[in-house]
Amino acid sequence: MRLPDRLRRAYWLWPGLLTLVVTAVQLDRAPLWRDELATWSAATRPLGDLFRLVGTIDAVNGAYYLLMWGWLASAGDPVTALRLPSALAMAGAAALTTLLGARLFGPRAGLLAGLLFAILPSTSRYGQEARPYALVTLLALLATLLLCRALDRPSLPRWAGYAAAVAGLGLANLFALSLLLGHALAAGTRRPAGSAGTRRPAGVRLRWVVSVLAAGLVLAPLALLGRSQQGRQLDWVGRPGPASLLGLPGSVVQAGVVGGLLVGLAAVAVASRGRRGVLLGLTVALPALLLFLAGQVTPLFVPRYLLFVVPFTALLAAATLAPLRLGAALAIVLAAGLLGAPEQAALRRTHESPRSAPVDYPAAIRIIGTRQRPGDGIVYAPRDGWAFLDLATAYHLRTDRPRDVLLVEDQARRGDFWATECARPAECLATVDRLWLLARGEDADPLDAMPAGRAEPLRTGFRIDRRWTVPGLTVALLVRTRP
């Protein structure tokens, strides 16, 4: 049966719809993890407090937080609402992957690329996360597609659109501007349609440079501010070794076997698809190499920063599959999906890494919420790291939660994601007789997770009455000891 022309022309929609369906499955099952709690904390502050936050830390995500601020103001902040923008962005990325693939290698390759992108574990992982990586992927594809249009038929509106997309990409993630390495090679070697002669017109190259410089003027203040905050924001990132570089495909795609398959198919296209294959391969490889080299001198090596190159890798893989019979090509796409199925299931249980060590914030906070009494207090261990136990409590227990007895200055007043605690904890603890302790880990003594100066008054003035453990967390009820 022949499909109507309108449906055949809209073939690029099908991978987008498939991606939306896949990412929507159990969208709210995995608990918000610490990075998503940071998004919620930032995007639900008054606008002035949000601007103060990005002036202190996380400026590189400021544009995303502002978008989420507007979205959550109308949609509310349940888990589904927090993650839905990322699911929609990934669906758009799949559609653009299809369009770009059709432009570079033909409609069949485009369709296969979109379908392959849709079933990758990384597409679901970051399509189900309230962080900017799905948006970055969408903007990287948009910028590349607009570059292709501008190179084919140069005009001021097309170059302006490209410059705007590059600026948006940088606002979403500064490292994603490493995509411009591949763009520079494309702009320097490709002749626009209809141009005469063998040399590329210098005017087109100049327009590309001007477009990038225009975007750079917009992004320069953000780059300077982000650089000043990097040491504090990425203090947990270590220096990568050769194993980290070799493991990048699996880390980025979220499944080692699938990442290896994708890179293997892509390598065939780089070797067999001529100039376009080589340029696209460099567009994938150069950002990865830059991330690894930069990670040797500054804390930067975070594999998920490379998510934006995944659709380009899928394009190369699809270019390898396109000459095959359609049934055989689709069978390989399906096999890739089946190979990633265990990770698809695991990422819907937890977003923590490794997934064998989940952190069940909702379960821990339910214990407190159902057993607390009026006048109870609560303390957190640790309070100064990246666990964000207090943010998790504030999200999952909106009203009538125990009083934060050590709190002196909250996150909004400080302009970051942490709180200032009482300098004399014994005095601050004097007003409570029952105290809840929420601690990271499942240690026998949850007070071990606290600094000695905070733990000592608890050891001397309280005893542990009951203790519960849930994955990744310990909840303890402490009652005051009487002389």
Protein backbone atom coordinates (compact mmCIF):
# COMPACT_ATOMS: atom_id res chain seq x y z
CA MET A 1 0.00 0.00 0.00
CA ARG A 2 1.41 3.39 -1.01
CA LEU A 3 1.46 6.08 1.66
CA PRO A 4 -0.07 9.48 0.83
CA ASP A 5 2.49 12.05 -0.37
CA ARG A 6 2.02 14.20 2.73
CA LEU A 7 2.95 11.29 5.00
CA ARG A 8 5.98 10.41 2.88
CA ARG A 9 7.20 13.99 2.94
CA ALA A 10 6.79 14.06 6.71
CA TYR A 11 9.02 11.00 7.20
CA TRP A 12 11.24 13.07 9.53
CA LEU A 13 8.39 13.24 12.03
CA TRP A 14 8.35 9.50 12.73
CA PRO A 15 11.70 9.30 14.55
CA GLY A 16 10.66 12.36 16.57
CA LEU A 17 7.39 10.73 17.58
CA LEU A 18 9.16 7.46 18.39
CA THR A 19 11.65 9.33 20.58
CA LEU A 20 8.84 11.11 22.40
CA VAL A 21 7.07 7.81 23.04
CA VAL A 22 10.25 6.09 24.25
CA THR A 23 11.28 8.93 26.57
CA ALA A 24 7.74 9.26 27.92
CA VAL A 25 7.75 5.66 29.17
CA GLN A 26 8.14 5.85 32.97
CA LEU A 27 9.23 9.47 32.66
CA ASP A 28 8.66 10.09 36.37
CA ARG A 29 9.76 6.74 37.78
CA ALA A 30 13.41 7.44 38.61
CA PRO A 31 13.70 9.83 41.57
CA LEU A 32 15.11 13.25 40.88
CA TRP A 33 18.84 13.02 41.38
CA ARG A 34 21.09 15.70 42.79
CA ASP A 35 21.62 17.64 39.54
CA GLU A 36 17.88 17.73 38.93
CA LEU A 37 17.32 18.91 42.48
CA ALA A 38 19.69 21.78 41.66
CA THR A 39 17.55 22.60 38.63
CA TRP A 40 14.41 22.61 40.77
CA SER A 41 16.05 24.76 43.43
CA ALA A 42 17.27 27.32 40.89
CA ALA A 43 14.15 27.46 38.72
CA THR A 44 11.70 27.88 41.60
CA ARG A 45 13.48 30.85 43.22
CA PRO A 46 12.27 34.42 42.75
CA LEU A 47 13.83 35.90 39.64
CA GLY A 48 16.17 38.16 41.61
CA ASP A 49 17.44 35.22 43.63
CA LEU A 50 17.98 33.25 40.42
CA PHE A 51 20.16 36.01 38.98
CA ARG A 52 22.11 36.17 42.23
CA LEU A 53 22.66 32.40 42.03
CA VAL A 54 24.14 32.47 38.53
CA GLY A 55 26.37 35.33 39.58
CA THR A 56 27.82 33.04 42.25
CA ILE A 57 27.81 29.58 40.68
CA ASP A 58 26.44 27.68 37.68
CA ALA A 59 26.33 30.69 35.36
CA VAL A 60 26.87 28.30 32.43
CA ASN A 61 23.41 26.85 33.12
CA GLY A 62 21.79 30.22 33.77
CA ALA A 63 19.92 30.40 30.45
CA TYR A 64 18.50 26.92 31.02
CA TYR A 65 17.42 27.82 34.53
CA LEU A 66 15.70 30.91 33.20
CA LEU A 67 13.82 28.84 30.63
CA MET A 68 12.80 26.37 33.33
CA TRP A 69 11.77 29.27 35.60
CA GLY A 70 9.25 30.36 33.00
CA TRP A 71 8.11 26.80 32.28
CA LEU A 72 7.62 25.79 35.92
CA ALA A 73 5.76 29.02 36.67
CA SER A 74 2.96 27.74 34.42
CA ALA A 75 3.37 23.95 34.52
CA GLY A 76 4.18 23.41 38.20
CA ASP A 77 7.04 21.29 39.45
CA PRO A 78 6.07 17.61 39.58
CA VAL A 79 8.70 15.26 38.21
CA THR A 80 6.92 14.94 34.86
CA ALA A 81 6.79 18.72 34.39
CA LEU A 82 10.46 19.08 35.28
CA ARG A 83 11.52 16.46 32.72
CA LEU A 84 9.03 17.10 29.91
CA PRO A 85 11.07 19.91 28.24
CA SER A 86 14.00 17.50 27.87
CA ALA A 87 11.76 14.82 26.37
CA LEU A 88 10.41 17.32 23.85
CA ALA A 89 13.93 18.53 23.04
CA MET A 90 15.09 14.97 22.37
CA ALA A 91 12.09 14.38 20.11
CA GLY A 92 13.03 17.51 18.18
CA ALA A 93 16.65 16.33 18.03
CA ALA A 94 15.56 13.03 16.48
CA ALA A 95 13.56 14.88 13.83
CA LEU A 96 16.50 17.17 13.03
CA THR A 97 18.85 14.18 12.91
CA THR A 98 16.59 12.71 10.24
CA LEU A 99 16.51 15.94 8.22
CA LEU A 100 20.27 16.44 8.45
CA GLY A 101 20.94 12.83 7.51
CA ALA A 102 18.65 13.12 4.49
CA ARG A 103 20.48 16.25 3.41
CA LEU A 104 23.92 14.67 3.72
CA PHE A 105 23.37 11.03 2.75
CA GLY A 106 19.81 10.68 1.44
CA PRO A 107 16.34 10.10 2.93
CA ARG A 108 16.93 6.45 3.81
CA ALA A 109 20.08 7.26 5.78
CA GLY A 110 18.26 10.13 7.47
CA LEU A 111 15.38 7.92 8.54
CA LEU A 112 17.72 5.20 9.82
CA ALA A 113 19.75 7.81 11.73
CA GLY A 114 16.64 9.19 13.41
CA LEU A 115 15.39 5.74 14.37
CA LEU A 116 18.81 4.71 15.67
CA PHE A 117 19.07 7.89 17.72
CA ALA A 118 15.59 7.28 19.15
CA ILE A 119 16.44 3.88 20.62
CA LEU A 120 19.80 4.74 22.17
CA PRO A 121 19.95 4.58 25.99
CA SER A 122 21.51 8.05 26.09
CA THR A 123 18.46 9.50 24.35
CA SER A 124 16.20 8.18 27.08
CA ARG A 125 18.65 8.99 29.88
CA TYR A 126 18.96 12.66 29.05
CA GLY A 127 15.45 12.95 27.62
CA GLN A 128 14.27 12.00 31.11
CA GLU A 129 16.48 14.44 32.99
CA ALA A 130 15.74 18.00 34.07
CA ARG A 131 19.09 19.28 32.85
CA PRO A 132 20.11 21.11 29.64
CA TYR A 133 21.82 18.28 27.73
CA ALA A 134 18.82 17.40 25.55
CA LEU A 135 18.41 21.06 24.64
CA VAL A 136 22.13 21.27 23.81
CA THR A 137 21.75 18.30 21.46
CA LEU A 138 18.79 19.93 19.73
CA LEU A 139 20.64 23.22 19.27
CA ALA A 140 23.79 21.50 17.97
CA LEU A 141 21.75 19.84 15.25
CA LEU A 142 19.87 23.04 14.48
CA ALA A 143 23.10 25.01 14.14
CA THR A 144 24.56 22.36 11.82
CA LEU A 145 21.45 22.23 9.66
CA LEU A 146 21.39 26.02 9.40
CA LEU A 147 25.08 26.00 8.48
CA CYS A 148 24.37 23.58 5.63
CA ARG A 149 21.62 25.88 4.37
CA ALA A 150 23.84 28.95 4.59
CA LEU A 151 26.69 27.25 2.77
CA ASP A 152 24.39 26.02 0.01
CA ARG A 153 22.65 29.36 -0.56
CA PRO A 154 24.47 32.12 1.32
CA SER A 155 22.26 35.03 2.40
CA LEU A 156 22.14 37.42 5.31
CA PRO A 157 19.02 35.87 6.92
CA ARG A 158 20.55 32.40 6.73
CA TRP A 159 23.83 33.49 8.29
CA ALA A 160 21.93 35.44 10.96
CA GLY A 161 19.93 32.34 11.78
CA TYR A 162 23.12 30.32 12.05
CA ALA A 163 24.71 32.92 14.34
CA ALA A 164 21.62 32.90 16.57
CA ALA A 165 21.71 29.09 16.80
CA VAL A 166 25.41 29.14 17.73
CA ALA A 167 24.72 31.74 20.42
CA GLY A 168 21.88 29.61 21.76
CA LEU A 169 24.14 26.55 21.76
CA GLY A 170 26.77 28.38 23.80
CA LEU A 171 24.19 29.70 26.24
CA ALA A 172 23.03 26.13 26.80
CA ASN A 173 26.53 24.67 27.16
CA LEU A 174 29.81 26.44 26.46
CA PHE A 175 31.75 23.26 25.76
CA ALA A 176 29.28 22.38 23.00
CA LEU A 177 30.89 25.19 21.00
CA SER A 178 33.62 22.67 20.24
CA LEU A 179 31.16 21.62 17.52
CA LEU A 180 32.48 24.68 15.66
CA LEU A 181 35.71 22.79 14.98
CA GLY A 182 33.80 20.63 12.54
CA HIS A 183 31.84 23.62 11.25
CA ALA A 184 35.09 25.45 10.52
CA LEU A 185 36.32 22.55 8.40
CA ALA A 186 33.01 22.41 6.54
CA ALA A 187 32.98 26.16 5.93
CA GLY A 188 36.58 26.11 4.75
CA THR A 189 36.23 23.30 2.22
CA ARG A 190 32.68 23.31 0.87
CA ARG A 191 31.62 25.32 -2.16
CA PRO A 192 28.13 26.82 -2.16
CA ALA A 193 25.65 25.53 -4.71
CA GLY A 194 25.94 27.28 -8.02
CA SER A 195 29.34 28.87 -7.35
CA ALA A 196 31.72 28.95 -10.25
CA GLY A 197 35.39 28.04 -10.34
CA THR A 198 37.40 25.69 -8.27
CA ARG A 199 38.21 27.94 -5.33
CA ARG A 200 35.80 28.57 -2.55
CA PRO A 201 34.63 32.24 -2.49
CA ALA A 202 36.42 34.04 0.32
CA GLY A 203 33.23 35.97 1.06
CA VAL A 204 31.46 32.84 2.28
CA ARG A 205 34.29 31.98 4.63
CA LEU A 206 34.28 35.53 5.90
CA ARG A 207 30.55 35.37 6.59
CA TRP A 208 31.05 32.23 8.63
CA VAL A 209 33.76 33.94 10.69
CA VAL A 210 31.59 37.03 11.18
CA SER A 211 28.64 34.86 12.26
CA VAL A 212 30.75 33.05 14.84
CA LEU A 213 32.26 36.31 16.10
CA ALA A 214 28.78 37.79 16.48
CA ALA A 215 27.76 34.80 18.59
CA GLY A 216 31.02 35.12 20.50
CA LEU A 217 30.23 38.70 21.48
CA VAL A 218 27.02 37.48 23.08
CA LEU A 219 28.78 34.63 24.85
CA ALA A 220 31.98 36.34 26.00
CA PRO A 221 30.60 37.62 29.35
CA LEU A 222 29.20 34.17 30.12
CA ALA A 223 32.52 32.52 29.24
CA LEU A 224 34.43 34.84 31.58
CA LEU A 225 31.98 34.34 34.43
CA GLY A 226 31.82 30.59 33.90
CA ARG A 227 35.61 30.32 33.89
CA SER A 228 35.78 32.11 37.24
CA GLN A 229 33.29 29.62 38.73
CA GLN A 230 34.73 26.45 37.22
CA GLY A 231 36.96 25.46 40.11
CA ARG A 232 34.09 25.45 42.58
CA GLN A 233 31.52 23.95 40.23
CA LEU A 234 33.68 21.09 38.94
CA ASP A 235 35.84 20.38 41.98
CA TRP A 236 34.67 16.77 41.93
CA VAL A 237 36.03 16.07 38.42
CA GLY A 238 39.29 14.15 38.18
CA ARG A 239 41.97 13.94 35.50
CA PRO A 240 41.12 11.39 32.76
CA GLY A 241 43.46 8.62 31.77
CA PRO A 242 43.68 6.50 28.61
CA ALA A 243 40.95 4.18 29.92
CA SER A 244 38.61 7.16 30.23
CA LEU A 245 39.20 8.07 26.59
CA LEU A 246 38.65 4.52 25.40
CA GLY A 247 35.51 4.25 27.48
CA LEU A 248 33.95 7.45 26.14
CA PRO A 249 31.58 5.78 23.62
CA GLY A 250 30.02 3.62 26.31
CA SER A 251 29.95 6.44 28.86
CA VAL A 252 28.26 8.87 26.51
CA VAL A 253 25.81 6.41 24.95
CA GLN A 254 25.17 4.86 28.41
CA ALA A 255 25.83 1.31 27.21
CA GLY A 256 29.27 -0.01 26.34
CA VAL A 257 28.20 -2.57 23.72
CA VAL A 258 25.88 -0.13 21.98
CA GLY A 259 28.51 2.60 22.04
CA GLY A 260 31.05 0.25 20.51
CA LEU A 261 28.61 -0.83 17.79
CA LEU A 262 27.78 2.78 16.98
CA VAL A 263 31.42 3.82 16.72
CA GLY A 264 32.26 0.76 14.62
CA LEU A 265 29.52 1.51 12.10
CA ALA A 266 30.50 5.18 12.09
CA ALA A 267 34.14 4.31 11.35
CA VAL A 268 33.06 2.41 8.24
CA ALA A 269 31.25 5.51 6.98
CA VAL A 270 34.25 7.72 7.67
CA ALA A 271 36.36 5.41 5.51
CA SER A 272 33.83 4.94 2.72
CA ARG A 273 31.70 8.06 2.44
CA GLY A 274 34.34 10.47 1.17
CA ARG A 275 34.59 14.09 2.22
CA ARG A 276 31.27 14.21 4.05
CA GLY A 277 32.06 11.10 6.04
CA VAL A 278 35.47 12.45 7.03
CA LEU A 279 34.09 15.87 8.01
CA LEU A 280 31.32 14.34 10.07
CA GLY A 281 33.81 11.98 11.70
CA LEU A 282 36.01 14.92 12.67
CA THR A 283 32.94 16.74 14.00
CA VAL A 284 32.52 13.82 16.42
CA ALA A 285 36.17 13.11 17.18
CA LEU A 286 37.57 16.61 17.70
CA PRO A 287 35.28 17.60 20.61
CA ALA A 288 36.05 14.28 22.31
CA LEU A 289 39.77 14.78 21.89
CA LEU A 290 39.51 18.39 23.11
CA LEU A 291 37.58 17.30 26.20
CA PHE A 292 40.24 14.72 27.02
CA LEU A 293 43.16 17.11 26.49
CA ALA A 294 41.51 19.95 28.39
CA GLY A 295 40.81 17.52 31.22
CA GLN A 296 44.55 17.10 31.70
CA VAL A 297 44.98 20.73 32.78
CA THR A 298 41.60 21.75 34.21
CA PRO A 299 38.62 19.93 35.77
CA LEU A 300 36.38 19.44 32.74
CA PHE A 301 36.24 15.78 31.73
CA VAL A 302 32.54 14.98 32.14
CA PRO A 303 31.46 12.48 29.44
CA ARG A 304 27.89 13.75 29.25
CA TYR A 305 29.22 17.07 27.93
CA LEU A 306 29.69 15.14 24.65
CA LEU A 307 26.07 14.11 24.31
CA PHE A 308 25.65 16.56 21.43
CA VAL A 309 27.93 14.46 19.18
CA VAL A 310 25.77 11.32 19.54
CA PRO A 311 23.33 12.19 16.72
CA PHE A 312 26.26 12.88 14.37
CA THR A 313 27.67 9.46 15.24
CA ALA A 314 24.25 7.97 14.53
CA LEU A 315 24.28 9.75 11.16
CA LEU A 316 27.57 8.10 10.26
CA ALA A 317 26.31 4.71 11.41
CA ALA A 318 23.17 5.17 9.33
CA ALA A 319 25.27 6.09 6.30
CA THR A 320 26.91 2.67 6.65
CA LEU A 321 23.53 0.93 6.94
CA ALA A 322 21.73 2.79 4.15
CA PRO A 323 23.14 0.75 1.21
CA LEU A 324 21.86 -2.47 2.80
CA ARG A 325 18.42 -3.87 2.18
CA LEU A 326 15.95 -1.92 4.27
CA GLY A 327 14.98 -5.01 6.25
CA ALA A 328 18.59 -5.78 7.11
CA ALA A 329 19.29 -2.18 8.10
CA LEU A 330 16.21 -2.04 10.32
CA ALA A 331 17.21 -5.37 11.88
CA ILE A 332 20.57 -3.87 12.92
CA VAL A 333 18.80 -0.83 14.39
CA LEU A 334 16.49 -3.18 16.29
CA ALA A 335 19.48 -5.22 17.49
CA ALA A 336 21.09 -2.04 18.82
CA GLY A 337 17.87 -1.31 20.69
CA LEU A 338 17.77 -4.79 22.19
CA LEU A 339 21.41 -4.57 23.25
CA GLY A 340 20.60 -1.36 25.08
CA ALA A 341 17.42 -2.69 26.69
CA PRO A 342 19.03 -3.57 30.06
CA GLU A 343 20.35 -0.02 30.38
CA GLN A 344 17.01 1.38 29.28
CA ALA A 345 15.40 -0.46 32.18
CA ALA A 346 18.12 0.50 34.66
CA LEU A 347 18.06 4.23 33.88
CA ARG A 348 14.34 4.27 34.57
CA ARG A 349 15.04 3.06 38.11
CA THR A 350 17.77 5.56 38.97
CA HIS A 351 19.80 8.32 37.37
CA GLU A 352 22.69 7.84 39.77
CA SER A 353 26.04 6.59 38.54
CA PRO A 354 26.82 3.77 38.92
CA ARG A 355 23.26 2.50 38.68
CA SER A 356 24.13 -0.25 41.11
CA ALA A 357 24.20 2.46 43.80
CA PRO A 358 20.80 4.19 43.66
CA VAL A 359 19.78 6.92 46.10
CA ASP A 360 16.11 6.70 47.07
CA TYR A 361 15.30 10.19 48.36
CA PRO A 362 11.49 9.72 48.27
CA ALA A 363 11.59 6.55 50.40
CA ALA A 364 13.80 8.16 53.04
CA ILE A 365 11.71 11.28 53.26
CA ARG A 366 8.46 9.29 53.46
CA ILE A 367 9.83 7.68 56.62
CA ILE A 368 10.33 11.11 58.16
CA GLY A 369 7.03 12.51 56.90
CA THR A 370 4.91 9.69 58.27
CA ARG A 371 6.60 9.48 61.69
CA GLN A 372 7.42 13.06 62.59
CA ARG A 373 5.79 14.92 65.48
CA PRO A 374 5.20 18.61 66.08
CA GLY A 375 8.38 20.20 67.39
CA ASP A 376 10.75 17.72 65.74
CA GLY A 377 13.98 18.97 64.22
CA ILE A 378 16.14 17.66 61.39
CA VAL A 379 19.85 17.69 60.54
CA TYR A 380 21.70 16.53 57.46
CA ALA A 381 24.94 14.64 56.94
CA PRO A 382 26.70 15.88 54.93
CA ARG A 383 25.48 19.42 54.39
CA ASP A 384 28.36 20.96 52.47
CA GLY A 385 28.81 18.51 49.58
CA TRP A 386 26.84 17.59 46.48
CA ALA A 387 24.31 15.27 48.12
CA PHE A 388 21.67 18.04 48.43
CA LEU A 389 19.80 16.19 51.17
CA ASP A 390 18.10 19.38 52.32
CA LEU A 391 16.92 20.17 48.78
CA ALA A 392 15.51 16.66 48.46
CA THR A 393 13.64 17.08 51.74
CA ALA A 394 12.26 20.44 50.65
CA TYR A 395 11.08 18.95 47.33
CA HIS A 396 9.46 15.79 48.67
CA LEU A 397 8.10 17.20 51.95
CA ARG A 398 6.61 20.55 51.04
CA THR A 399 4.75 21.37 54.25
CA ASP A 400 4.99 20.51 57.92
CA ARG A 401 8.51 19.19 57.67
CA PRO A 402 10.77 19.12 60.76
CA ARG A 403 12.55 22.37 61.55
CA ASP A 404 16.08 22.65 60.19
CA VAL A 405 17.60 23.35 63.60
CA LEU A 406 21.15 24.11 62.45
CA LEU A 407 20.12 26.40 59.59
CA VAL A 408 21.37 29.98 59.78
CA GLU A 409 21.24 31.08 56.11
CA ASP A 410 19.47 29.19 53.33
CA GLN A 411 20.47 28.68 49.71
CA ALA A 412 18.47 31.58 48.31
CA ARG A 413 20.01 34.09 50.70
CA ARG A 414 23.52 32.76 50.07
CA GLY A 415 23.04 32.74 46.31
CA ASP A 416 24.19 29.15 45.76
CA PHE A 417 23.05 25.57 46.46
CA TRP A 418 24.26 25.21 50.04
CA ALA A 419 23.23 26.47 53.47
CA THR A 420 25.14 28.01 56.33
CA GLU A 421 24.81 26.13 59.60
CA CYS A 422 25.00 27.26 63.19
CA ALA A 423 28.55 27.92 64.39
CA ARG A 424 27.62 26.65 67.90
CA PRO A 425 25.58 23.52 67.23
CA ALA A 426 25.11 22.59 70.89
CA GLU A 427 23.23 25.84 71.50
CA CYS A 428 21.09 25.45 68.37
CA LEU A 429 20.19 21.89 69.34
CA ALA A 430 19.07 22.87 72.82
CA THR A 431 15.50 23.62 71.72
CA VAL A 432 14.62 20.11 70.46
CA ASP A 433 14.14 16.75 72.14
CA ARG A 434 13.50 14.67 69.01
CA LEU A 435 15.75 15.01 66.01
CA TRP A 436 15.73 13.41 62.58
CA LEU A 437 19.04 12.71 60.87
CA LEU A 438 19.14 12.18 57.12
CA ALA A 439 22.56 10.87 56.09
CA ARG A 440 24.13 9.85 52.79
CA GLY A 441 25.19 6.20 52.73
CA GLU A 442 24.12 3.16 54.71
CA ASP A 443 26.73 3.22 57.48
CA ALA A 444 26.07 1.62 60.84
CA ASP A 445 26.75 4.96 62.52
CA PRO A 446 25.17 7.73 60.41
CA LEU A 447 26.91 10.38 62.54
CA ASP A 448 30.17 9.38 60.87
CA ALA A 449 29.02 11.34 57.82
CA MET A 450 29.04 14.59 59.81
CA PRO A 451 32.00 16.83 60.67
CA ALA A 452 33.29 16.10 64.16
CA GLY A 453 32.22 19.51 65.44
CA ARG A 454 28.62 18.85 64.39
CA ALA A 455 28.52 15.21 65.43
CA GLU A 456 29.91 15.65 68.95
CA PRO A 457 26.90 17.48 70.47
CA LEU A 458 24.65 14.85 68.92
CA ARG A 459 26.65 12.01 70.41
CA THR A 460 26.72 13.56 73.86
CA GLY A 461 23.18 14.96 73.97
CA PHE A 462 21.17 12.40 72.02
CA ARG A 463 20.86 8.69 71.45
CA ILE A 464 19.70 6.87 68.33
CA ASP A 465 16.20 5.58 69.06
CA ARG A 466 15.49 4.05 65.65
CA ARG A 467 17.35 3.69 62.41
CA TRP A 468 16.19 2.93 58.87
CA THR A 469 18.15 2.35 55.68
CA VAL A 470 16.95 2.78 52.12
CA PRO A 471 19.11 2.56 49.00
CA GLY A 472 21.89 5.11 49.39
CA LEU A 473 20.56 6.78 52.53
CA THR A 474 20.14 6.33 56.28
CA VAL A 475 17.39 7.84 58.38
CA ALA A 476 17.78 7.95 62.15
CA LEU A 477 15.53 9.24 64.89
CA LEU A 478 17.54 10.73 67.76
CA VAL A 479 16.03 11.50 71.17
CA ARG A 480 17.59 13.58 73.88
CA THR A 481 19.29 11.74 76.70
CA ARG A 482 18.29 12.81 80.20
CA PRO A 483 20.81 13.02 83.04
